[in-house]
Amino acid sequence: MDALILEPSLYTVKAVLILDNDGERLYAKYYDDTYPTVKEQKAFEKNIFNKTHRTDSEIALLEGLTVVYKSNIDLYFYVIGSSHENEVILIMVTGVSNWLCSFISLLMHICMYN
């Protein structure tokens, strides 16, 4: 039972990802060594995108990790935590960062038409 009780940590987020419509990486920051190589990271990102880009939900459990995500027209924003992590905390991170996706999308739109 004690193994399931995690000590509080500042490292609740394992990774933050921003992917485009095709699942290609625009931004990725990994905060631990769960996926140490770029090849493993990109395979993980493709797997996440393939399983989440057609769903309306905001939370998924994939590869033993909690994945919270939001999409905004042509961007997908992911926050990844451990399977024992509180989803509400991860959702708060995506909520605060949702403006970033809107801003990037707006900038891309402006750049396309100028």
N, C-alpha and C. Protein backbone atom coordinates (compact mmCIF):
# COMPACT_ATOMS: atom_id res chain seq x y z
N MET A 1 0.82 -1.19 0.00
CA MET A 1 0.00 0.00 0.00
C MET A 1 0.86 1.26 0.00
N ASP A 2 1.99 1.23 0.74
CA ASP A 2 2.85 2.41 0.81
C ASP A 2 3.48 2.74 -0.54
N ALA A 3 3.60 1.73 -1.42
CA ALA A 3 4.21 1.98 -2.72
C ALA A 3 3.33 2.89 -3.59
N LEU A 4 2.02 2.89 -3.33
CA LEU A 4 1.11 3.71 -4.12
C LEU A 4 1.04 5.15 -3.64
N ILE A 5 1.50 5.41 -2.43
CA ILE A 5 1.47 6.76 -1.89
C ILE A 5 2.74 7.47 -2.33
N LEU A 6 2.56 8.47 -3.16
CA LEU A 6 3.71 9.20 -3.69
C LEU A 6 3.97 10.44 -2.86
N GLU A 7 5.23 10.72 -2.66
CA GLU A 7 5.59 11.95 -1.96
C GLU A 7 5.32 13.13 -2.88
N PRO A 8 4.91 14.25 -2.31
CA PRO A 8 4.70 15.45 -3.14
C PRO A 8 6.00 15.85 -3.83
N SER A 9 5.86 16.29 -5.07
CA SER A 9 7.03 16.63 -5.86
C SER A 9 6.69 17.75 -6.83
N LEU A 10 7.70 18.51 -7.19
CA LEU A 10 7.52 19.53 -8.22
C LEU A 10 7.52 18.91 -9.61
N TYR A 11 7.90 17.64 -9.69
CA TYR A 11 8.01 16.97 -10.97
C TYR A 11 6.78 16.12 -11.27
N THR A 12 5.61 16.71 -11.18
CA THR A 12 4.39 15.98 -11.47
C THR A 12 4.18 15.84 -12.97
N VAL A 13 4.74 16.73 -13.75
CA VAL A 13 4.62 16.68 -15.21
C VAL A 13 5.86 16.00 -15.77
N LYS A 14 5.64 14.92 -16.53
CA LYS A 14 6.76 14.20 -17.13
C LYS A 14 7.15 14.78 -18.48
N ALA A 15 6.15 15.36 -19.19
CA ALA A 15 6.44 15.93 -20.51
C ALA A 15 5.34 16.88 -20.93
N VAL A 16 5.71 17.82 -21.78
CA VAL A 16 4.77 18.74 -22.42
C VAL A 16 5.05 18.67 -23.91
N LEU A 17 3.99 18.47 -24.70
CA LEU A 17 4.15 18.32 -26.15
C LEU A 17 3.17 19.21 -26.89
N ILE A 18 3.61 19.76 -28.00
CA ILE A 18 2.71 20.42 -28.94
C ILE A 18 2.96 19.77 -30.29
N LEU A 19 1.89 19.18 -30.85
CA LEU A 19 1.98 18.50 -32.14
C LEU A 19 1.08 19.19 -33.15
N ASP A 20 1.42 19.06 -34.42
CA ASP A 20 0.57 19.65 -35.46
C ASP A 20 -0.51 18.65 -35.88
N ASN A 21 -1.26 18.98 -36.94
CA ASN A 21 -2.36 18.13 -37.46
C ASN A 21 -1.93 16.74 -37.84
N ASP A 22 -0.70 16.60 -38.25
CA ASP A 22 -0.20 15.32 -38.72
C ASP A 22 0.53 14.54 -37.63
N GLY A 23 0.54 15.07 -36.43
CA GLY A 23 1.22 14.40 -35.33
C GLY A 23 2.70 14.68 -35.28
N GLU A 24 3.15 15.65 -36.05
CA GLU A 24 4.58 16.00 -36.04
C GLU A 24 4.88 16.96 -34.90
N ARG A 25 6.03 16.79 -34.32
CA ARG A 25 6.46 17.59 -33.18
C ARG A 25 6.72 19.04 -33.56
N LEU A 26 6.06 19.95 -32.86
CA LEU A 26 6.38 21.37 -32.95
C LEU A 26 7.20 21.78 -31.74
N TYR A 27 6.86 21.18 -30.60
CA TYR A 27 7.59 21.45 -29.36
C TYR A 27 7.48 20.22 -28.47
N ALA A 28 8.56 19.88 -27.81
CA ALA A 28 8.54 18.77 -26.86
C ALA A 28 9.55 19.04 -25.76
N LYS A 29 9.12 18.87 -24.54
CA LYS A 29 10.02 18.99 -23.38
C LYS A 29 9.72 17.82 -22.46
N TYR A 30 10.72 16.96 -22.28
CA TYR A 30 10.61 15.81 -21.39
C TYR A 30 11.39 16.13 -20.12
N TYR A 31 10.77 15.86 -18.98
CA TYR A 31 11.38 16.22 -17.70
C TYR A 31 11.99 15.03 -16.97
N ASP A 32 11.95 13.85 -17.58
CA ASP A 32 12.63 12.69 -16.99
C ASP A 32 13.12 11.79 -18.11
N ASP A 33 13.66 10.64 -17.75
CA ASP A 33 14.25 9.74 -18.73
C ASP A 33 13.34 8.57 -19.10
N THR A 34 12.03 8.77 -19.06
CA THR A 34 11.12 7.71 -19.46
C THR A 34 11.36 7.33 -20.92
N TYR A 35 11.60 8.32 -21.75
CA TYR A 35 11.93 8.13 -23.17
C TYR A 35 13.24 8.87 -23.43
N PRO A 36 14.38 8.20 -23.23
CA PRO A 36 15.68 8.90 -23.26
C PRO A 36 16.17 9.33 -24.64
N THR A 37 15.77 8.63 -25.70
CA THR A 37 16.28 8.99 -27.02
C THR A 37 15.20 9.71 -27.83
N VAL A 38 15.63 10.48 -28.80
CA VAL A 38 14.69 11.20 -29.67
C VAL A 38 13.82 10.20 -30.44
N LYS A 39 14.41 9.08 -30.84
CA LYS A 39 13.66 8.05 -31.57
C LYS A 39 12.51 7.52 -30.71
N GLU A 40 12.78 7.22 -29.44
CA GLU A 40 11.74 6.74 -28.54
C GLU A 40 10.69 7.82 -28.28
N GLN A 41 11.13 9.06 -28.14
CA GLN A 41 10.20 10.16 -27.91
C GLN A 41 9.25 10.33 -29.09
N LYS A 42 9.79 10.31 -30.30
CA LYS A 42 8.95 10.50 -31.49
C LYS A 42 7.99 9.33 -31.68
N ALA A 43 8.42 8.12 -31.36
CA ALA A 43 7.52 6.96 -31.44
C ALA A 43 6.38 7.11 -30.43
N PHE A 44 6.71 7.55 -29.22
CA PHE A 44 5.71 7.80 -28.18
C PHE A 44 4.73 8.88 -28.64
N GLU A 45 5.25 9.95 -29.23
CA GLU A 45 4.40 11.05 -29.70
C GLU A 45 3.46 10.58 -30.80
N LYS A 46 3.95 9.77 -31.73
CA LYS A 46 3.10 9.23 -32.80
C LYS A 46 2.00 8.36 -32.21
N ASN A 47 2.36 7.53 -31.23
CA ASN A 47 1.39 6.65 -30.59
C ASN A 47 0.30 7.47 -29.90
N ILE A 48 0.70 8.48 -29.15
CA ILE A 48 -0.27 9.35 -28.47
C ILE A 48 -1.19 10.02 -29.49
N PHE A 49 -0.61 10.58 -30.53
CA PHE A 49 -1.41 11.29 -31.53
C PHE A 49 -2.40 10.34 -32.21
N ASN A 50 -1.93 9.16 -32.60
CA ASN A 50 -2.81 8.19 -33.28
C ASN A 50 -3.98 7.77 -32.40
N LYS A 51 -3.79 7.72 -31.10
CA LYS A 51 -4.85 7.27 -30.20
C LYS A 51 -5.73 8.40 -29.69
N THR A 52 -5.33 9.65 -29.90
CA THR A 52 -6.11 10.75 -29.32
C THR A 52 -6.66 11.75 -30.32
N HIS A 53 -6.16 11.81 -31.53
CA HIS A 53 -6.56 12.91 -32.42
C HIS A 53 -8.00 12.82 -32.92
N ARG A 54 -8.65 11.68 -32.78
CA ARG A 54 -10.03 11.56 -33.24
C ARG A 54 -11.03 11.43 -32.11
N THR A 55 -10.61 11.65 -30.91
CA THR A 55 -11.52 11.51 -29.77
C THR A 55 -11.86 12.87 -29.18
N ASP A 56 -12.99 12.92 -28.50
CA ASP A 56 -13.43 14.16 -27.87
C ASP A 56 -13.05 14.23 -26.39
N SER A 57 -12.54 13.14 -25.85
CA SER A 57 -12.18 13.16 -24.43
C SER A 57 -10.92 13.99 -24.23
N GLU A 58 -10.58 14.24 -22.98
CA GLU A 58 -9.41 15.06 -22.67
C GLU A 58 -8.37 14.31 -21.85
N ILE A 59 -8.68 13.08 -21.46
CA ILE A 59 -7.77 12.30 -20.62
C ILE A 59 -7.64 10.90 -21.21
N ALA A 60 -6.42 10.38 -21.23
CA ALA A 60 -6.18 9.02 -21.69
C ALA A 60 -5.09 8.39 -20.82
N LEU A 61 -5.16 7.08 -20.68
CA LEU A 61 -4.10 6.32 -20.03
C LEU A 61 -3.41 5.51 -21.11
N LEU A 62 -2.17 5.87 -21.41
CA LEU A 62 -1.41 5.21 -22.45
C LEU A 62 -0.01 4.87 -21.96
N GLU A 63 0.41 3.65 -22.23
CA GLU A 63 1.76 3.20 -21.87
C GLU A 63 2.08 3.45 -20.40
N GLY A 64 1.08 3.29 -19.54
CA GLY A 64 1.29 3.48 -18.11
C GLY A 64 1.42 4.93 -17.68
N LEU A 65 0.99 5.86 -18.53
CA LEU A 65 1.07 7.28 -18.23
C LEU A 65 -0.31 7.92 -18.36
N THR A 66 -0.54 8.97 -17.61
CA THR A 66 -1.75 9.76 -17.74
C THR A 66 -1.47 10.87 -18.74
N VAL A 67 -2.29 10.93 -19.78
CA VAL A 67 -2.13 11.92 -20.83
C VAL A 67 -3.36 12.82 -20.83
N VAL A 68 -3.14 14.10 -20.62
CA VAL A 68 -4.21 15.09 -20.67
C VAL A 68 -3.94 15.94 -21.90
N TYR A 69 -4.97 16.16 -22.71
CA TYR A 69 -4.72 16.87 -23.96
C TYR A 69 -5.89 17.75 -24.36
N LYS A 70 -5.56 18.73 -25.16
CA LYS A 70 -6.54 19.65 -25.75
C LYS A 70 -6.12 19.87 -27.19
N SER A 71 -7.12 20.06 -28.04
CA SER A 71 -6.81 20.40 -29.43
C SER A 71 -7.41 21.76 -29.75
N ASN A 72 -6.75 22.45 -30.65
CA ASN A 72 -7.20 23.77 -31.06
C ASN A 72 -6.95 23.88 -32.56
N ILE A 73 -7.96 23.66 -33.34
CA ILE A 73 -7.96 23.70 -34.79
C ILE A 73 -6.85 22.82 -35.38
N ASP A 74 -5.62 23.29 -35.40
CA ASP A 74 -4.54 22.53 -36.02
C ASP A 74 -3.39 22.23 -35.08
N LEU A 75 -3.60 22.40 -33.78
CA LEU A 75 -2.57 22.10 -32.79
C LEU A 75 -3.12 21.16 -31.72
N TYR A 76 -2.26 20.29 -31.24
CA TYR A 76 -2.61 19.39 -30.15
C TYR A 76 -1.61 19.62 -29.02
N PHE A 77 -2.14 19.93 -27.85
CA PHE A 77 -1.32 20.24 -26.69
C PHE A 77 -1.47 19.11 -25.67
N TYR A 78 -0.37 18.48 -25.28
CA TYR A 78 -0.38 17.33 -24.37
C TYR A 78 0.43 17.62 -23.12
N VAL A 79 -0.10 17.18 -21.98
CA VAL A 79 0.64 17.19 -20.72
C VAL A 79 0.63 15.76 -20.23
N ILE A 80 1.81 15.20 -19.97
CA ILE A 80 1.94 13.81 -19.58
C ILE A 80 2.43 13.72 -18.14
N GLY A 81 1.77 12.85 -17.36
CA GLY A 81 2.17 12.58 -15.98
C GLY A 81 2.15 11.09 -15.73
N SER A 82 2.55 10.66 -14.55
CA SER A 82 2.55 9.23 -14.24
C SER A 82 1.11 8.74 -14.10
N SER A 83 0.94 7.42 -14.12
CA SER A 83 -0.41 6.85 -14.02
C SER A 83 -1.03 7.11 -12.66
N HIS A 84 -0.22 7.42 -11.66
CA HIS A 84 -0.73 7.70 -10.32
C HIS A 84 -1.01 9.18 -10.11
N GLU A 85 -0.75 9.98 -11.11
CA GLU A 85 -0.88 11.44 -10.96
C GLU A 85 -2.34 11.86 -10.96
N ASN A 86 -2.62 12.92 -10.25
CA ASN A 86 -3.96 13.49 -10.18
C ASN A 86 -4.26 14.20 -11.51
N GLU A 87 -5.30 13.74 -12.19
CA GLU A 87 -5.65 14.31 -13.49
C GLU A 87 -6.03 15.78 -13.39
N VAL A 88 -6.60 16.18 -12.27
CA VAL A 88 -7.03 17.57 -12.09
C VAL A 88 -5.83 18.51 -12.17
N ILE A 89 -4.72 18.11 -11.57
CA ILE A 89 -3.52 18.94 -11.62
C ILE A 89 -3.03 19.06 -13.07
N LEU A 90 -3.04 17.96 -13.79
CA LEU A 90 -2.59 18.00 -15.18
C LEU A 90 -3.55 18.81 -16.05
N ILE A 91 -4.85 18.72 -15.77
CA ILE A 91 -5.83 19.52 -16.51
C ILE A 91 -5.61 21.00 -16.25
N MET A 92 -5.26 21.35 -15.02
CA MET A 92 -4.98 22.75 -14.71
C MET A 92 -3.80 23.26 -15.54
N VAL A 93 -2.79 22.42 -15.73
CA VAL A 93 -1.65 22.81 -16.55
C VAL A 93 -2.09 23.05 -17.99
N THR A 94 -2.94 22.16 -18.53
CA THR A 94 -3.40 22.36 -19.90
C THR A 94 -4.32 23.57 -20.00
N GLY A 95 -5.12 23.82 -18.98
CA GLY A 95 -6.00 24.99 -18.99
C GLY A 95 -5.23 26.29 -19.00
N VAL A 96 -4.21 26.36 -18.17
CA VAL A 96 -3.38 27.57 -18.13
C VAL A 96 -2.63 27.73 -19.44
N SER A 97 -2.21 26.63 -20.01
CA SER A 97 -1.41 26.69 -21.23
C SER A 97 -2.26 26.70 -22.50
N ASN A 98 -3.57 26.57 -22.36
CA ASN A 98 -4.44 26.55 -23.54
C ASN A 98 -4.35 27.86 -24.32
N TRP A 99 -4.13 28.95 -23.63
CA TRP A 99 -3.98 30.23 -24.31
C TRP A 99 -2.78 30.20 -25.25
N LEU A 100 -1.76 29.41 -24.89
CA LEU A 100 -0.57 29.29 -25.74
C LEU A 100 -0.94 28.68 -27.09
N CYS A 101 -1.77 27.64 -27.07
CA CYS A 101 -2.20 27.03 -28.33
C CYS A 101 -2.99 28.02 -29.17
N SER A 102 -3.88 28.76 -28.54
CA SER A 102 -4.68 29.75 -29.26
C SER A 102 -3.78 30.82 -29.86
N PHE A 103 -2.80 31.26 -29.10
CA PHE A 103 -1.89 32.29 -29.56
C PHE A 103 -1.06 31.80 -30.74
N ILE A 104 -0.52 30.59 -30.64
CA ILE A 104 0.29 30.03 -31.72
C ILE A 104 -0.56 29.85 -32.98
N SER A 105 -1.78 29.36 -32.79
CA SER A 105 -2.68 29.18 -33.92
C SER A 105 -2.98 30.51 -34.60
N LEU A 106 -3.20 31.55 -33.82
CA LEU A 106 -3.45 32.89 -34.36
C LEU A 106 -2.23 33.39 -35.13
N LEU A 107 -1.04 33.20 -34.56
CA LEU A 107 0.18 33.62 -35.25
C LEU A 107 0.38 32.89 -36.57
N MET A 108 0.09 31.59 -36.58
CA MET A 108 0.22 30.82 -37.81
C MET A 108 -0.76 31.33 -38.86
N HIS A 109 -1.97 31.65 -38.43
CA HIS A 109 -2.99 32.17 -39.34
C HIS A 109 -2.56 33.52 -39.92
N ILE A 110 -2.03 34.38 -39.08
CA ILE A 110 -1.56 35.70 -39.53
C ILE A 110 -0.40 35.55 -40.51
N CYS A 111 0.53 34.66 -40.20
CA CYS A 111 1.69 34.46 -41.07
C CYS A 111 1.29 33.89 -42.44
N MET A 112 0.27 33.05 -42.47
CA MET A 112 -0.17 32.46 -43.73
C MET A 112 -0.78 33.50 -44.66
N TYR A 113 -1.42 34.51 -44.10
CA TYR A 113 -2.13 35.49 -44.92
C TYR A 113 -1.37 36.80 -45.10
N ASN A 114 -0.16 36.87 -44.63
CA ASN A 114 0.67 38.08 -44.84
C ASN A 114 1.83 37.80 -45.74
